[in-house]
């Protein structure tokens, strides 16, 4: 995917976002577009085909890295309940108590708890 396609796909992303790596309950929060573009750790990462980026509207993007990091928009939208479950797992891994009581009224609210 060339740079212009990457930029146009990035313009479809609503921040904040989280990256969910396959077989890992940890979530990586990225607050805004400039953090995404400037994060050297992201640029250096190798992504599995099952790794996804979830934006604040629940839109799901696949992450692909050949020479550059690219985003591929999927038709999937993750519902709030599923995002809450991901956040609960993440918080549980950090030793947070009473995560079963965690709730949020929106996806951005859930993501901002990270």
Foldseek 3Di string as FASTA:
>chain_A
DDPVQQVVVLVVAADFKWKDAPPDLAIRTDGDDVSVVPPVVVFPDAGDQPIWMQGQQQWIWGWHPDPGIGTHTDPDGDDQVVLLVSLLSNVVVVVDPPSVPDDDPGSVRSSVVD
